[in-house]
Amino acid sequence: METYTAMRHFADSWGLLAMTVFFVGAILYAFRPGSRKLSDDAAQIPFRDED
């Protein structure tokens, strides 16, 4: 089996699964309870030093 073919098969199966799990985890982390305050604080960073 060539290297390209092996990498292609891996990306088609486990790579896709890993990316999906990472995406779902990132969404759950962003929308977890209690993250509203941190998100609002981060959104106000550009406006902190305005006169």
C-alpha atoms as a PDB file:
ATOM      1  CA  MET A   1       0.000   0.000   0.000  1.00  0.00           C
ATOM      2  CA  GLU A   2       1.413   3.343  -0.964  1.00  0.00           C
ATOM      3  CA  THR A   3       1.868   6.083   1.596  1.00  0.00           C
ATOM      4  CA  TYR A   4      -0.610   8.371  -0.133  1.00  0.00           C
ATOM      5  CA  THR A   5      -3.280   5.693  -0.201  1.00  0.00           C
ATOM      6  CA  ALA A   6      -2.774   4.873   3.463  1.00  0.00           C
ATOM      7  CA  MET A   7      -2.973   8.541   4.458  1.00  0.00           C
ATOM      8  CA  ARG A   8      -6.062   8.984   2.308  1.00  0.00           C
ATOM      9  CA  HIS A   9      -7.846   6.073   3.959  1.00  0.00           C
ATOM     10  CA  PHE A  10      -6.897   7.378   7.412  1.00  0.00           C
ATOM     11  CA  ALA A  11      -8.166  10.882   6.611  1.00  0.00           C
ATOM     12  CA  ASP A  12     -11.404   9.527   5.183  1.00  0.00           C
ATOM     13  CA  SER A  13     -12.191   7.553   8.328  1.00  0.00           C
ATOM     14  CA  TRP A  14     -10.460   8.540  11.566  1.00  0.00           C
ATOM     15  CA  GLY A  15      -9.431  12.018  10.466  1.00  0.00           C
ATOM     16  CA  LEU A  16     -13.019  12.973   9.715  1.00  0.00           C
ATOM     17  CA  LEU A  17     -14.157  11.538  13.034  1.00  0.00           C
ATOM     18  CA  ALA A  18     -11.454  13.467  14.923  1.00  0.00           C
ATOM     19  CA  MET A  19     -12.392  16.756  13.226  1.00  0.00           C
ATOM     20  CA  THR A  20     -16.074  16.190  13.990  1.00  0.00           C
ATOM     21  CA  VAL A  21     -15.369  15.453  17.655  1.00  0.00           C
ATOM     22  CA  PHE A  22     -13.164  18.555  17.889  1.00  0.00           C
ATOM     23  CA  PHE A  23     -15.862  20.737  16.290  1.00  0.00           C
ATOM     24  CA  VAL A  24     -18.592  19.464  18.617  1.00  0.00           C
ATOM     25  CA  GLY A  25     -16.286  19.947  21.604  1.00  0.00           C
ATOM     26  CA  ALA A  26     -15.514  23.521  20.587  1.00  0.00           C
ATOM     27  CA  ILE A  27     -19.213  24.301  20.220  1.00  0.00           C
ATOM     28  CA  LEU A  28     -20.025  22.783  23.610  1.00  0.00           C
ATOM     29  CA  TYR A  29     -17.136  24.707  25.209  1.00  0.00           C
ATOM     30  CA  ALA A  30     -18.316  28.013  23.731  1.00  0.00           C
ATOM     31  CA  PHE A  31     -21.938  27.529  24.788  1.00  0.00           C
ATOM     32  CA  ARG A  32     -21.326  25.999  28.208  1.00  0.00           C
ATOM     33  CA  PRO A  33     -23.150  27.497  31.181  1.00  0.00           C
ATOM     34  CA  GLY A  34     -21.166  30.290  32.796  1.00  0.00           C
ATOM     35  CA  SER A  35     -19.259  31.371  29.717  1.00  0.00           C
ATOM     36  CA  ARG A  36     -21.490  34.399  29.054  1.00  0.00           C
ATOM     37  CA  LYS A  37     -19.455  36.666  31.372  1.00  0.00           C
ATOM     38  CA  LEU A  38     -16.143  35.671  29.784  1.00  0.00           C
ATOM     39  CA  SER A  39     -17.528  36.152  26.277  1.00  0.00           C
ATOM     40  CA  ASP A  40     -18.952  39.579  27.103  1.00  0.00           C
ATOM     41  CA  ASP A  41     -15.655  40.608  28.687  1.00  0.00           C
ATOM     42  CA  ALA A  42     -13.695  39.492  25.615  1.00  0.00           C
ATOM     43  CA  ALA A  43     -16.108  41.357  23.331  1.00  0.00           C
ATOM     44  CA  GLN A  44     -15.441  44.639  25.176  1.00  0.00           C
ATOM     45  CA  ILE A  45     -11.626  44.516  24.870  1.00  0.00           C
ATOM     46  CA  PRO A  46     -11.431  46.856  21.824  1.00  0.00           C
ATOM     47  CA  PHE A  47     -13.507  49.521  23.596  1.00  0.00           C
ATOM     48  CA  ARG A  48     -11.702  49.622  26.962  1.00  0.00           C
ATOM     49  CA  ASP A  49      -9.229  52.399  26.172  1.00  0.00           C
ATOM     50  CA  GLU A  50     -11.512  54.698  24.194  1.00  0.00           C
ATOM     51  CA  ASP A  51     -11.728  58.287  25.325  1.00  0.00           C
END
